[in-house]
């Protein structure tokens, strides 16, 4: 049996992570590599240790993200078939690195920093995972990081639906208009960084009309031919 690698990208708030987790229950012998969370954790570690967003922006391509990962001892482990993040010996709660402020910081830094060594690291890690598992990868620039993706999906939904889903993610504790403005800003930053570029092998999946994560996931799954079990 040859394992497969499935890349899931998409617009901010379209439901990528939820779809990945639903796919995990439908694809045998699978794991999720939350690539976006790894990047978020590195930026979080830098800011926790005194760097401001303005300083990180000014450093531009002189900011080697993989060097920062090593400096602040950001590590990635697999627990319950998903990757989780540790900084030193402390496991980092996903809610922290998925927060509104952290998300904006990553969208700002991601297109300006030097990501090359981190991308090389991620490719080697995916290759290692693929030996044992079917790998679902969530993140940005996945066709650059891993050109040999067996499937690459880009999840889209209209703006109002994405704002609604983000508000639900934050348990309706954040202002609707502020969330909307943040999504618009992050969309612009992601597009300027080239993270919304599609390859000829990318399948765009519109989940605007999907009422549940299950429906969204089935739209993705219908385009995947699962490897035969030996």
Protein backbone atom coordinates (compact mmCIF):
# COMPACT_ATOMS: atom_id res chain seq x y z
CA UNK A 1 0.00 0.00 0.00
CA UNK A 2 1.28 3.45 -0.92
CA UNK A 3 0.26 6.16 1.49
CA UNK A 4 -0.99 9.51 0.20
CA UNK A 5 -0.51 13.17 1.14
CA UNK A 6 -3.54 15.48 1.01
CA UNK A 7 -3.01 19.24 1.21
CA UNK A 8 -5.80 21.45 2.57
CA UNK A 9 -5.54 25.21 2.09
CA UNK A 10 -8.18 27.87 1.81
CA UNK A 11 -9.52 31.30 2.60
CA UNK A 12 -9.39 32.61 6.16
CA UNK A 13 -12.31 31.20 8.14
CA UNK A 14 -13.47 28.73 5.48
CA UNK A 15 -13.18 25.77 7.85
CA UNK A 16 -9.90 24.09 6.89
CA UNK A 17 -9.09 22.72 10.33
CA UNK A 18 -12.58 21.35 10.90
CA UNK A 19 -12.51 19.62 7.53
CA UNK A 20 -9.11 18.10 8.30
CA UNK A 21 -10.38 16.68 11.58
CA UNK A 22 -13.45 15.25 9.91
CA UNK A 23 -11.28 13.67 7.20
CA UNK A 24 -9.20 12.06 9.93
CA UNK A 25 -12.25 9.98 10.89
CA UNK A 26 -12.86 8.92 7.30
CA UNK A 27 -9.38 8.12 5.99
CA UNK A 28 -7.80 4.98 7.44
CA UNK A 29 -4.37 5.14 9.09
CA UNK A 30 -4.25 8.94 8.81
CA UNK A 31 -2.66 11.79 10.74
CA UNK A 32 -3.03 15.57 10.50
CA UNK A 33 0.04 17.77 10.21
CA UNK A 34 -1.15 21.21 11.34
CA UNK A 35 1.52 23.18 9.49
CA UNK A 36 -0.18 26.49 10.20
CA UNK A 37 -0.04 25.86 13.93
CA UNK A 38 3.70 25.24 13.74
CA UNK A 39 4.20 28.63 12.07
CA UNK A 40 1.84 30.31 14.52
CA UNK A 41 3.73 28.84 17.47
CA UNK A 42 7.07 30.16 16.19
CA UNK A 43 5.67 33.69 15.80
CA UNK A 44 3.98 33.37 19.20
CA UNK A 45 7.31 32.34 20.79
CA UNK A 46 9.11 35.32 19.27
CA UNK A 47 6.51 37.79 20.50
CA UNK A 48 6.32 36.15 23.92
CA UNK A 49 10.07 36.67 24.19
CA UNK A 50 9.87 40.40 23.53
CA UNK A 51 9.69 40.92 19.77
CA UNK A 52 7.00 43.31 18.57
CA UNK A 53 5.07 42.83 15.36
CA UNK A 54 6.62 45.99 13.92
CA UNK A 55 10.13 44.68 14.65
CA UNK A 56 9.34 41.35 12.97
CA UNK A 57 7.95 43.13 9.91
CA UNK A 58 11.06 45.31 9.62
CA UNK A 59 13.37 42.30 9.73
CA UNK A 60 11.78 40.97 6.54
CA UNK A 61 13.83 38.30 4.77
CA UNK A 62 16.55 38.52 7.41
CA UNK A 63 14.12 36.76 9.76
CA UNK A 64 14.83 33.04 9.30
CA UNK A 65 11.77 31.29 10.72
CA UNK A 66 13.50 27.91 11.11
CA UNK A 67 16.30 29.53 13.12
CA UNK A 68 13.67 31.06 15.38
CA UNK A 69 12.02 27.66 15.75
CA UNK A 70 15.29 26.18 16.96
CA UNK A 71 16.19 29.17 19.13
CA UNK A 72 12.93 29.05 21.07
CA UNK A 73 12.79 25.25 21.14
CA UNK A 74 9.52 24.94 19.25
CA UNK A 75 8.86 21.24 18.75
CA UNK A 76 6.21 19.21 17.01
CA UNK A 77 4.86 15.87 18.22
CA UNK A 78 2.03 13.52 17.23
CA UNK A 79 -0.69 12.93 19.81
CA UNK A 80 -4.02 11.25 19.01
CA UNK A 81 -3.15 11.26 15.30
CA UNK A 82 -2.63 15.03 15.16
CA UNK A 83 0.46 17.17 15.48
CA UNK A 84 0.71 19.28 18.64
CA UNK A 85 3.18 22.00 19.57
CA UNK A 86 5.58 22.26 22.47
CA UNK A 87 7.73 25.27 23.33
CA UNK A 88 10.45 23.83 25.50
CA UNK A 89 8.62 21.36 27.72
CA UNK A 90 5.31 23.26 27.66
CA UNK A 91 2.51 22.06 25.42
CA UNK A 92 0.85 25.06 23.78
CA UNK A 93 -2.94 25.21 23.79
CA UNK A 94 -4.31 25.53 20.26
CA UNK A 95 -6.69 28.29 21.37
CA UNK A 96 -3.68 30.50 22.14
CA UNK A 97 -2.06 30.20 18.73
CA UNK A 98 -5.43 30.33 16.95
CA UNK A 99 -6.42 33.58 18.67
CA UNK A 100 -7.40 36.66 16.69
CA UNK A 101 -4.19 38.55 17.52
CA UNK A 102 -1.94 35.57 16.80
CA UNK A 103 -3.68 34.97 13.48
CA UNK A 104 -3.13 38.57 12.38
CA UNK A 105 0.52 38.44 13.41
CA UNK A 106 1.15 35.28 11.38
CA UNK A 107 -0.61 36.71 8.33
CA UNK A 108 1.62 39.79 8.61
CA UNK A 109 4.94 37.99 9.17
CA UNK A 110 4.38 34.97 6.90
CA UNK A 111 4.80 36.80 3.61
CA UNK A 112 7.83 38.83 4.71
CA UNK A 113 10.11 36.38 6.55
CA UNK A 114 12.58 33.84 5.13
CA UNK A 115 10.63 30.58 5.16
CA UNK A 116 12.94 28.44 3.04
CA UNK A 117 14.59 26.36 5.79
CA UNK A 118 11.28 25.86 7.57
CA UNK A 119 9.71 24.64 4.33
CA UNK A 120 12.61 22.20 3.83
CA UNK A 121 12.11 20.94 7.38
CA UNK A 122 8.37 20.51 6.78
CA UNK A 123 8.93 18.54 3.56
CA UNK A 124 11.29 16.12 5.30
CA UNK A 125 8.82 15.74 8.15
CA UNK A 126 5.97 14.95 5.75
CA UNK A 127 8.16 12.38 3.98
CA UNK A 128 8.87 10.76 7.34
CA UNK A 129 5.19 10.69 8.27
CA UNK A 130 4.20 9.28 4.87
CA UNK A 131 6.23 6.13 5.44
CA UNK A 132 3.71 5.09 8.11
CA UNK A 133 0.58 7.15 7.53
CA UNK A 134 -1.76 8.81 5.09
CA UNK A 135 -0.96 12.46 5.78
CA UNK A 136 -3.47 15.32 5.84
CA UNK A 137 -1.56 18.61 5.76
CA UNK A 138 -3.17 21.92 6.69
CA UNK A 139 -1.29 25.16 6.08
CA UNK A 140 -0.13 27.68 3.49
CA UNK A 141 2.09 27.39 0.41
CA UNK A 142 1.66 23.62 0.43
CA UNK A 143 2.47 23.10 -3.24
CA UNK A 144 5.75 24.95 -2.65
CA UNK A 145 6.54 22.98 0.50
CA UNK A 146 5.50 19.61 -0.93
CA UNK A 147 5.21 19.61 -4.73
CA UNK A 148 4.36 15.89 -4.78
CA UNK A 149 1.00 16.26 -3.04
CA UNK A 150 -1.37 13.52 -4.19
CA UNK A 151 -4.30 15.90 -3.71
CA UNK A 152 -4.46 19.63 -3.14
CA UNK A 153 -7.69 21.34 -2.15
CA UNK A 154 -8.40 25.04 -1.69
CA UNK A 155 -11.46 25.66 0.48
CA UNK A 156 -13.52 28.77 -0.21
CA UNK A 157 -16.69 30.36 1.16
CA UNK A 158 -18.20 33.80 0.83
CA UNK A 159 -17.12 36.52 3.25
CA UNK A 160 -20.26 36.65 5.39
CA UNK A 161 -20.23 32.89 5.91
CA UNK A 162 -16.56 32.98 6.92
CA UNK A 163 -17.21 35.79 9.41
CA UNK A 164 -20.06 33.78 10.89
CA UNK A 165 -17.83 30.72 11.29
CA UNK A 166 -15.03 32.73 12.89
CA UNK A 167 -17.46 34.24 15.38
CA UNK A 168 -18.58 30.71 16.27
CA UNK A 169 -14.94 29.67 16.69
CA UNK A 170 -14.47 32.50 19.19
CA UNK A 171 -17.75 31.56 20.92
CA UNK A 172 -19.30 34.87 19.86
CA UNK A 173 -17.02 36.71 22.30
CA UNK A 174 -15.54 38.95 19.60
CA UNK A 175 -17.19 41.85 17.78
CA UNK A 176 -18.68 40.85 14.41
CA UNK A 177 -17.42 43.90 12.51
CA UNK A 178 -13.95 43.56 14.01
CA UNK A 179 -13.79 39.91 12.94
CA UNK A 180 -14.96 40.88 9.46
CA UNK A 181 -12.32 43.60 9.13
CA UNK A 182 -9.62 41.23 10.38
CA UNK A 183 -10.59 38.62 7.79
CA UNK A 184 -10.50 41.22 5.02
CA UNK A 185 -7.04 42.37 6.18
CA UNK A 186 -5.74 38.81 6.46
CA UNK A 187 -7.14 37.94 3.01
CA UNK A 188 -5.21 40.87 1.56
CA UNK A 189 -1.98 39.91 3.34
CA UNK A 190 -2.28 36.25 2.29
CA UNK A 191 -2.97 37.21 -1.30
CA UNK A 192 -0.06 39.67 -1.41
CA UNK A 193 2.22 36.93 -0.05
CA UNK A 194 1.11 34.60 -2.86
CA UNK A 195 -0.56 32.16 -0.46
CA UNK A 196 -3.84 32.24 -2.37
CA UNK A 197 -2.24 31.19 -5.67
CA UNK A 198 -3.63 27.99 -7.15
CA UNK A 199 -1.68 25.41 -9.13
CA UNK A 200 -3.01 23.50 -12.12
CA UNK A 201 -3.56 20.49 -9.84
CA UNK A 202 -5.52 22.40 -7.19
CA UNK A 203 -9.20 21.55 -6.76
CA UNK A 204 -11.25 24.47 -5.44
CA UNK A 205 -14.05 23.45 -3.07
CA UNK A 206 -16.81 25.97 -2.30
CA UNK A 207 -18.41 25.20 1.08
CA UNK A 208 -20.56 28.32 1.38
CA UNK A 209 -23.80 26.37 1.17
CA UNK A 210 -22.64 23.50 3.39
CA UNK A 211 -24.57 23.55 6.64
CA UNK A 212 -22.27 21.19 8.53
CA UNK A 213 -18.60 20.22 8.62
CA UNK A 214 -19.70 16.76 7.49
CA UNK A 215 -21.17 18.22 4.28
CA UNK A 216 -18.01 20.23 3.60
CA UNK A 217 -15.84 17.18 4.21
CA UNK A 218 -17.89 15.00 1.88
CA UNK A 219 -17.32 17.52 -0.93
CA UNK A 220 -13.59 17.09 -0.42
CA UNK A 221 -13.71 13.33 0.09
CA UNK A 222 -15.64 12.79 -3.13
CA UNK A 223 -12.52 13.90 -5.01
CA UNK A 224 -10.14 11.50 -3.23
CA UNK A 225 -9.38 7.94 -4.25
CA UNK A 226 -8.27 6.24 -1.06
CA UNK A 227 -5.38 3.78 -1.26
CA UNK A 228 -6.36 0.13 -1.08
CA UNK A 229 -5.73 -1.49 2.27
CA UNK A 230 -3.29 -4.39 2.14
